[in-house]
Amino acid sequence: NNYDLLYKNECQNWRNKINKAKRTAGFPADQLEEMLTAFEAFKKEALKRKKAVKEKTASPKEFTDWLYQQSNIIINLSVY
């Protein structure tokens, strides 16, 4: 299903940004910690929302719309 693939792609996007930050010399440790904390919160909320789609209490469109909004969080946190 499309929303599951989109979720996996978004998780990889977050991981890529976090790994890039880890490799960046001088990247602030507190900012990296904030990225990791945000990623954990993102995954927890995403799994809850994904489950709601599977149980038909939410639509796939609601989930994908929410996923698109989450991209901005990691983008903003990765600015150095």
PDB file of N, CA and C in Angstrom:
ATOM      1  N   ASN A   1       0.835  -1.195   0.000  1.00  0.00           N
ATOM      2  CA  ASN A   1       0.000   0.000   0.000  1.00  0.00           C
ATOM      3  C   ASN A   1       0.873   1.249   0.000  1.00  0.00           C
ATOM      4  N   ASN A   2       0.336   2.273  -0.571  1.00  0.00           N
ATOM      5  CA  ASN A   2       1.080   3.498  -0.822  1.00  0.00           C
ATOM      6  C   ASN A   2       1.478   4.229   0.456  1.00  0.00           C
ATOM      7  N   TYR A   3       0.571   4.307   1.420  1.00  0.00           N
ATOM      8  CA  TYR A   3       0.875   5.068   2.635  1.00  0.00           C
ATOM      9  C   TYR A   3       1.991   4.419   3.448  1.00  0.00           C
ATOM     10  N   ASP A   4       2.082   3.083   3.393  1.00  0.00           N
ATOM     11  CA  ASP A   4       3.142   2.378   4.109  1.00  0.00           C
ATOM     12  C   ASP A   4       4.505   2.672   3.476  1.00  0.00           C
ATOM     13  N   LEU A   5       4.554   2.674   2.161  1.00  0.00           N
ATOM     14  CA  LEU A   5       5.783   3.002   1.439  1.00  0.00           C
ATOM     15  C   LEU A   5       6.201   4.443   1.731  1.00  0.00           C
ATOM     16  N   LEU A   6       5.239   5.335   1.748  1.00  0.00           N
ATOM     17  CA  LEU A   6       5.518   6.738   2.052  1.00  0.00           C
ATOM     18  C   LEU A   6       6.083   6.879   3.465  1.00  0.00           C
ATOM     19  N   TYR A   7       5.525   6.122   4.402  1.00  0.00           N
ATOM     20  CA  TYR A   7       6.023   6.135   5.782  1.00  0.00           C
ATOM     21  C   TYR A   7       7.480   5.667   5.827  1.00  0.00           C
ATOM     22  N   LYS A   8       7.778   4.565   5.146  1.00  0.00           N
ATOM     23  CA  LYS A   8       9.147   4.034   5.132  1.00  0.00           C
ATOM     24  C   LYS A   8      10.114   5.040   4.511  1.00  0.00           C
ATOM     25  N   ASN A   9       9.688   5.688   3.439  1.00  0.00           N
ATOM     26  CA  ASN A   9      10.532   6.700   2.795  1.00  0.00           C
ATOM     27  C   ASN A   9      10.780   7.882   3.723  1.00  0.00           C
ATOM     28  N   GLU A  10       9.759   8.295   4.438  1.00  0.00           N
ATOM     29  CA  GLU A  10       9.907   9.433   5.350  1.00  0.00           C
ATOM     30  C   GLU A  10      10.839   9.077   6.509  1.00  0.00           C
ATOM     31  N   CYS A  11      10.727   7.856   7.029  1.00  0.00           N
ATOM     32  CA  CYS A  11      11.653   7.411   8.081  1.00  0.00           C
ATOM     33  C   CYS A  11      13.088   7.443   7.571  1.00  0.00           C
ATOM     34  N   GLN A  12      13.293   6.987   6.352  1.00  0.00           N
ATOM     35  CA  GLN A  12      14.644   6.990   5.778  1.00  0.00           C
ATOM     36  C   GLN A  12      15.142   8.420   5.603  1.00  0.00           C
ATOM     37  N   ASN A  13      14.269   9.316   5.212  1.00  0.00           N
ATOM     38  CA  ASN A  13      14.619  10.732   5.084  1.00  0.00           C
ATOM     39  C   ASN A  13      15.126  11.273   6.421  1.00  0.00           C
ATOM     40  N   TRP A  14      14.412  10.963   7.491  1.00  0.00           N
ATOM     41  CA  TRP A  14      14.827  11.405   8.831  1.00  0.00           C
ATOM     42  C   TRP A  14      16.181  10.799   9.189  1.00  0.00           C
ATOM     43  N   ARG A  15      16.336   9.483   8.951  1.00  0.00           N
ATOM     44  CA  ARG A  15      17.607   8.814   9.274  1.00  0.00           C
ATOM     45  C   ARG A  15      18.770   9.430   8.503  1.00  0.00           C
ATOM     46  N   ASN A  16      18.544   9.724   7.215  1.00  0.00           N
ATOM     47  CA  ASN A  16      19.602  10.327   6.398  1.00  0.00           C
ATOM     48  C   ASN A  16      20.038  11.673   6.967  1.00  0.00           C
ATOM     49  N   LYS A  17      19.070  12.493   7.357  1.00  0.00           N
ATOM     50  CA  LYS A  17      19.400  13.815   7.913  1.00  0.00           C
ATOM     51  C   LYS A  17      20.136  13.676   9.252  1.00  0.00           C
ATOM     52  N   ILE A  18      19.710  12.727  10.073  1.00  0.00           N
ATOM     53  CA  ILE A  18      20.367  12.496  11.371  1.00  0.00           C
ATOM     54  C   ILE A  18      21.797  11.999  11.151  1.00  0.00           C
ATOM     55  N   ASN A  19      21.975  11.055  10.228  1.00  0.00           N
ATOM     56  CA  ASN A  19      23.314  10.526   9.956  1.00  0.00           C
ATOM     57  C   ASN A  19      24.231  11.589   9.365  1.00  0.00           C
ATOM     58  N   LYS A  20      23.671  12.452   8.519  1.00  0.00           N
ATOM     59  CA  LYS A  20      24.468  13.549   7.959  1.00  0.00           C
ATOM     60  C   LYS A  20      24.923  14.482   9.080  1.00  0.00           C
ATOM     61  N   ALA A  21      24.027  14.767  10.011  1.00  0.00           N
ATOM     62  CA  ALA A  21      24.373  15.634  11.143  1.00  0.00           C
ATOM     63  C   ALA A  21      25.480  14.998  11.983  1.00  0.00           C
ATOM     64  N   LYS A  22      25.396  13.679  12.175  1.00  0.00           N
ATOM     65  CA  LYS A  22      26.424  12.969  12.952  1.00  0.00           C
ATOM     66  C   LYS A  22      27.795  13.075  12.289  1.00  0.00           C
ATOM     67  N   ARG A  23      27.810  13.084  10.953  1.00  0.00           N
ATOM     68  CA  ARG A  23      29.074  13.149  10.214  1.00  0.00           C
ATOM     69  C   ARG A  23      29.596  14.575  10.045  1.00  0.00           C
ATOM     70  N   THR A  24      28.764  15.563  10.351  1.00  0.00           N
ATOM     71  CA  THR A  24      29.159  16.957  10.170  1.00  0.00           C
ATOM     72  C   THR A  24      30.002  17.421  11.343  1.00  0.00           C
ATOM     73  N   ALA A  25      31.231  17.799  11.044  1.00  0.00           N
ATOM     74  CA  ALA A  25      32.137  18.276  12.095  1.00  0.00           C
ATOM     75  C   ALA A  25      31.567  19.543  12.721  1.00  0.00           C
ATOM     76  N   GLY A  26      31.540  19.567  14.032  1.00  0.00           N
ATOM     77  CA  GLY A  26      31.070  20.753  14.737  1.00  0.00           C
ATOM     78  C   GLY A  26      29.562  20.877  14.861  1.00  0.00           C
ATOM     79  N   PHE A  27      28.825  19.865  14.397  1.00  0.00           N
ATOM     80  CA  PHE A  27      27.363  19.931  14.533  1.00  0.00           C
ATOM     81  C   PHE A  27      27.030  19.894  16.022  1.00  0.00           C
ATOM     82  N   PRO A  28      26.215  20.838  16.509  1.00  0.00           N
ATOM     83  CA  PRO A  28      25.934  20.917  17.950  1.00  0.00           C
ATOM     84  C   PRO A  28      25.291  19.638  18.500  1.00  0.00           C
ATOM     85  N   ALA A  29      25.876  19.113  19.571  1.00  0.00           N
ATOM     86  CA  ALA A  29      25.396  17.868  20.180  1.00  0.00           C
ATOM     87  C   ALA A  29      23.963  18.005  20.680  1.00  0.00           C
ATOM     88  N   ASP A  30      23.622  19.159  21.236  1.00  0.00           N
ATOM     89  CA  ASP A  30      22.257  19.344  21.740  1.00  0.00           C
ATOM     90  C   ASP A  30      21.250  19.363  20.594  1.00  0.00           C
ATOM     91  N   GLN A  31      21.656  19.885  19.451  1.00  0.00           N
ATOM     92  CA  GLN A  31      20.770  19.904  18.286  1.00  0.00           C
ATOM     93  C   GLN A  31      20.583  18.486  17.741  1.00  0.00           C
ATOM     94  N   LEU A  32      21.651  17.697  17.741  1.00  0.00           N
ATOM     95  CA  LEU A  32      21.553  16.296  17.311  1.00  0.00           C
ATOM     96  C   LEU A  32      20.632  15.526  18.256  1.00  0.00           C
ATOM     97  N   GLU A  33      20.767  15.771  19.539  1.00  0.00           N
ATOM     98  CA  GLU A  33      19.910  15.118  20.537  1.00  0.00           C
ATOM     99  C   GLU A  33      18.445  15.483  20.298  1.00  0.00           C
ATOM    100  N   GLU A  34      18.207  16.735  19.951  1.00  0.00           N
ATOM    101  CA  GLU A  34      16.846  17.198  19.650  1.00  0.00           C
ATOM    102  C   GLU A  34      16.299  16.475  18.412  1.00  0.00           C
ATOM    103  N   MET A  35      17.153  16.262  17.418  1.00  0.00           N
ATOM    104  CA  MET A  35      16.745  15.535  16.210  1.00  0.00           C
ATOM    105  C   MET A  35      16.355  14.099  16.554  1.00  0.00           C
ATOM    106  N   LEU A  36      17.169  13.451  17.386  1.00  0.00           N
ATOM    107  CA  LEU A  36      16.895  12.064  17.776  1.00  0.00           C
ATOM    108  C   LEU A  36      15.600  11.957  18.580  1.00  0.00           C
ATOM    109  N   THR A  37      15.381  12.897  19.472  1.00  0.00           N
ATOM    110  CA  THR A  37      14.151  12.917  20.274  1.00  0.00           C
ATOM    111  C   THR A  37      12.934  13.129  19.379  1.00  0.00           C
ATOM    112  N   ALA A  38      13.053  14.054  18.433  1.00  0.00           N
ATOM    113  CA  ALA A  38      11.955  14.323  17.499  1.00  0.00           C
ATOM    114  C   ALA A  38      11.665  13.094  16.636  1.00  0.00           C
ATOM    115  N   PHE A  39      12.718  12.368  16.243  1.00  0.00           N
ATOM    116  CA  PHE A  39      12.537  11.165  15.427  1.00  0.00           C
ATOM    117  C   PHE A  39      11.779  10.091  16.198  1.00  0.00           C
ATOM    118  N   GLU A  40      12.114   9.914  17.466  1.00  0.00           N
ATOM    119  CA  GLU A  40      11.400   8.936  18.297  1.00  0.00           C
ATOM    120  C   GLU A  40       9.923   9.318  18.420  1.00  0.00           C
ATOM    121  N   ALA A  41       9.657  10.599  18.641  1.00  0.00           N
ATOM    122  CA  ALA A  41       8.269  11.076  18.752  1.00  0.00           C
ATOM    123  C   ALA A  41       7.535  10.886  17.425  1.00  0.00           C
ATOM    124  N   PHE A  42       8.222  11.178  16.317  1.00  0.00           N
ATOM    125  CA  PHE A  42       7.641  11.008  14.987  1.00  0.00           C
ATOM    126  C   PHE A  42       7.244   9.549  14.762  1.00  0.00           C
ATOM    127  N   LYS A  43       8.172   8.623  15.052  1.00  0.00           N
ATOM    128  CA  LYS A  43       7.892   7.198  14.828  1.00  0.00           C
ATOM    129  C   LYS A  43       6.725   6.724  15.685  1.00  0.00           C
ATOM    130  N   LYS A  44       6.705   7.137  16.939  1.00  0.00           N
ATOM    131  CA  LYS A  44       5.637   6.724  17.854  1.00  0.00           C
ATOM    132  C   LYS A  44       4.272   7.196  17.345  1.00  0.00           C
ATOM    133  N   GLU A  45       4.194   8.473  16.968  1.00  0.00           N
ATOM    134  CA  GLU A  45       2.930   9.030  16.467  1.00  0.00           C
ATOM    135  C   GLU A  45       2.559   8.404  15.122  1.00  0.00           C
ATOM    136  N   ALA A  46       3.543   8.189  14.256  1.00  0.00           N
ATOM    137  CA  ALA A  46       3.276   7.608  12.936  1.00  0.00           C
ATOM    138  C   ALA A  46       2.713   6.196  13.060  1.00  0.00           C
ATOM    139  N   LEU A  47       3.274   5.404  13.965  1.00  0.00           N
ATOM    140  CA  LEU A  47       2.773   4.037  14.139  1.00  0.00           C
ATOM    141  C   LEU A  47       1.345   4.035  14.667  1.00  0.00           C
ATOM    142  N   LYS A  48       1.048   4.979  15.547  1.00  0.00           N
ATOM    143  CA  LYS A  48      -0.312   5.111  16.072  1.00  0.00           C
ATOM    144  C   LYS A  48      -1.278   5.470  14.931  1.00  0.00           C
ATOM    145  N   ARG A  49      -0.859   6.414  14.093  1.00  0.00           N
ATOM    146  CA  ARG A  49      -1.710   6.847  12.979  1.00  0.00           C
ATOM    147  C   ARG A  49      -1.834   5.764  11.908  1.00  0.00           C
ATOM    148  N   LYS A  50      -0.750   5.024  11.679  1.00  0.00           N
ATOM    149  CA  LYS A  50      -0.776   3.936  10.700  1.00  0.00           C
ATOM    150  C   LYS A  50      -1.746   2.842  11.152  1.00  0.00           C
ATOM    151  N   LYS A  51      -1.726   2.563  12.440  1.00  0.00           N
ATOM    152  CA  LYS A  51      -2.644   1.568  13.005  1.00  0.00           C
ATOM    153  C   LYS A  51      -4.094   2.022  12.817  1.00  0.00           C
ATOM    154  N   ALA A  52      -4.339   3.315  13.003  1.00  0.00           N
ATOM    155  CA  ALA A  52      -5.693   3.859  12.818  1.00  0.00           C
ATOM    156  C   ALA A  52      -6.163   3.670  11.378  1.00  0.00           C
ATOM    157  N   VAL A  53      -5.263   3.806  10.423  1.00  0.00           N
ATOM    158  CA  VAL A  53      -5.621   3.589   9.015  1.00  0.00           C
ATOM    159  C   VAL A  53      -5.978   2.117   8.800  1.00  0.00           C
ATOM    160  N   LYS A  54      -5.172   1.221   9.360  1.00  0.00           N
ATOM    161  CA  LYS A  54      -5.442  -0.217   9.209  1.00  0.00           C
ATOM    162  C   LYS A  54      -6.776  -0.603   9.836  1.00  0.00           C
ATOM    163  N   GLU A  55      -7.114   0.055  10.956  1.00  0.00           N
ATOM    164  CA  GLU A  55      -8.378  -0.233  11.643  1.00  0.00           C
ATOM    165  C   GLU A  55      -9.538   0.567  11.063  1.00  0.00           C
ATOM    166  N   LYS A  56      -9.250   1.328  10.022  1.00  0.00           N
ATOM    167  CA  LYS A  56     -10.255   2.134   9.312  1.00  0.00           C
ATOM    168  C   LYS A  56     -10.868   3.245  10.172  1.00  0.00           C
ATOM    169  N   THR A  57     -10.138   3.708  11.191  1.00  0.00           N
ATOM    170  CA  THR A  57     -10.621   4.851  11.974  1.00  0.00           C
ATOM    171  C   THR A  57     -10.001   6.150  11.460  1.00  0.00           C
ATOM    172  N   ALA A  58      -9.113   6.028  10.474  1.00  0.00           N
ATOM    173  CA  ALA A  58      -8.532   7.193   9.802  1.00  0.00           C
ATOM    174  C   ALA A  58      -8.309   6.808   8.343  1.00  0.00           C
ATOM    175  N   SER A  59      -8.285   7.803   7.483  1.00  0.00           N
ATOM    176  CA  SER A  59      -8.095   7.516   6.056  1.00  0.00           C
ATOM    177  C   SER A  59      -6.609   7.547   5.696  1.00  0.00           C
ATOM    178  N   PRO A  60      -6.241   6.814   4.653  1.00  0.00           N
ATOM    179  CA  PRO A  60      -4.850   6.877   4.191  1.00  0.00           C
ATOM    180  C   PRO A  60      -4.435   8.308   3.833  1.00  0.00           C
ATOM    181  N   LYS A  61      -5.376   9.091   3.294  1.00  0.00           N
ATOM    182  CA  LYS A  61      -5.062  10.481   2.931  1.00  0.00           C
ATOM    183  C   LYS A  61      -4.714  11.307   4.165  1.00  0.00           C
ATOM    184  N   GLU A  62      -5.455  11.113   5.249  1.00  0.00           N
ATOM    185  CA  GLU A  62      -5.136  11.836   6.493  1.00  0.00           C
ATOM    186  C   GLU A  62      -3.720  11.502   6.949  1.00  0.00           C
ATOM    187  N   PHE A  63      -3.370  10.235   6.859  1.00  0.00           N
ATOM    188  CA  PHE A  63      -2.041   9.794   7.283  1.00  0.00           C
ATOM    189  C   PHE A  63      -0.950  10.379   6.384  1.00  0.00           C
ATOM    190  N   THR A  64      -1.154  10.303   5.071  1.00  0.00           N
ATOM    191  CA  THR A  64      -0.127  10.826   4.162  1.00  0.00           C
ATOM    192  C   THR A  64      -0.006  12.343   4.273  1.00  0.00           C
ATOM    193  N   ASP A  65      -1.122  13.035   4.452  1.00  0.00           N
ATOM    194  CA  ASP A  65      -1.064  14.497   4.653  1.00  0.00           C
ATOM    195  C   ASP A  65      -0.246  14.824   5.897  1.00  0.00           C
ATOM    196  N   TRP A  66      -0.483  14.077   6.962  1.00  0.00           N
ATOM    197  CA  TRP A  66       0.264  14.288   8.203  1.00  0.00           C
ATOM    198  C   TRP A  66       1.753  14.014   7.979  1.00  0.00           C
ATOM    199  N   LEU A  67       2.076  12.944   7.250  1.00  0.00           N
ATOM    200  CA  LEU A  67       3.478  12.605   6.971  1.00  0.00           C
ATOM    201  C   LEU A  67       4.191  13.743   6.251  1.00  0.00           C
ATOM    202  N   TYR A  68       3.529  14.318   5.250  1.00  0.00           N
ATOM    203  CA  TYR A  68       4.142  15.425   4.503  1.00  0.00           C
ATOM    204  C   TYR A  68       4.453  16.601   5.423  1.00  0.00           C
ATOM    205  N   GLN A  69       3.575  16.864   6.370  1.00  0.00           N
ATOM    206  CA  GLN A  69       3.792  17.971   7.309  1.00  0.00           C
ATOM    207  C   GLN A  69       4.994  17.707   8.212  1.00  0.00           C
ATOM    208  N   GLN A  70       5.263  16.444   8.510  1.00  0.00           N
ATOM    209  CA  GLN A  70       6.349  16.100   9.430  1.00  0.00           C
ATOM    210  C   GLN A  70       7.733  16.342   8.832  1.00  0.00           C
ATOM    211  N   SER A  71       7.834  16.338   7.513  1.00  0.00           N
ATOM    212  CA  SER A  71       9.130  16.561   6.858  1.00  0.00           C
ATOM    213  C   SER A  71       9.767  17.870   7.296  1.00  0.00           C
ATOM    214  N   ASN A  72       8.947  18.880   7.490  1.00  0.00           N
ATOM    215  CA  ASN A  72       9.472  20.193   7.879  1.00  0.00           C
ATOM    216  C   ASN A  72      10.175  20.161   9.226  1.00  0.00           C
ATOM    217  N   ILE A  73       9.742  19.298  10.115  1.00  0.00           N
ATOM    218  CA  ILE A  73      10.338  19.235  11.458  1.00  0.00           C
ATOM    219  C   ILE A  73      11.812  18.876  11.358  1.00  0.00           C
ATOM    220  N   ILE A  74      12.126  17.791  10.655  1.00  0.00           N
ATOM    221  CA  ILE A  74      13.522  17.354  10.569  1.00  0.00           C
ATOM    222  C   ILE A  74      14.339  18.313   9.713  1.00  0.00           C
ATOM    223  N   ILE A  75      13.722  18.895   8.700  1.00  0.00           N
ATOM    224  CA  ILE A  75      14.441  19.874   7.873  1.00  0.00           C
ATOM    225  C   ILE A  75      14.872  21.058   8.733  1.00  0.00           C
ATOM    226  N   ASN A  76      13.950  21.575   9.532  1.00  0.00           N
ATOM    227  CA  ASN A  76      14.271  22.717  10.398  1.00  0.00           C
ATOM    228  C   ASN A  76      15.321  22.362  11.441  1.00  0.00           C
ATOM    229  N   LEU A  77      15.241  21.161  11.995  1.00  0.00           N
ATOM    230  CA  LEU A  77      16.202  20.747  13.020  1.00  0.00           C
ATOM    231  C   LEU A  77      17.591  20.477  12.449  1.00  0.00           C
ATOM    232  N   SER A  78      17.668  20.153  11.160  1.00  0.00           N
ATOM    233  CA  SER A  78      18.964  19.799  10.579  1.00  0.00           C
ATOM    234  C   SER A  78      19.737  21.006  10.053  1.00  0.00           C
ATOM    235  N   VAL A  79      19.126  22.176  10.096  1.00  0.00           N
ATOM    236  CA  VAL A  79      19.818  23.386   9.631  1.00  0.00           C
ATOM    237  C   VAL A  79      20.934  23.725  10.604  1.00  0.00           C
ATOM    238  N   TYR A  80      22.145  23.855  10.045  1.00  0.00           N
ATOM    239  CA  TYR A  80      23.316  24.159  10.875  1.00  0.00           C
ATOM    240  C   TYR A  80      24.091  25.298  10.269  1.00  0.00           C
TER     241      TYR A  80
END
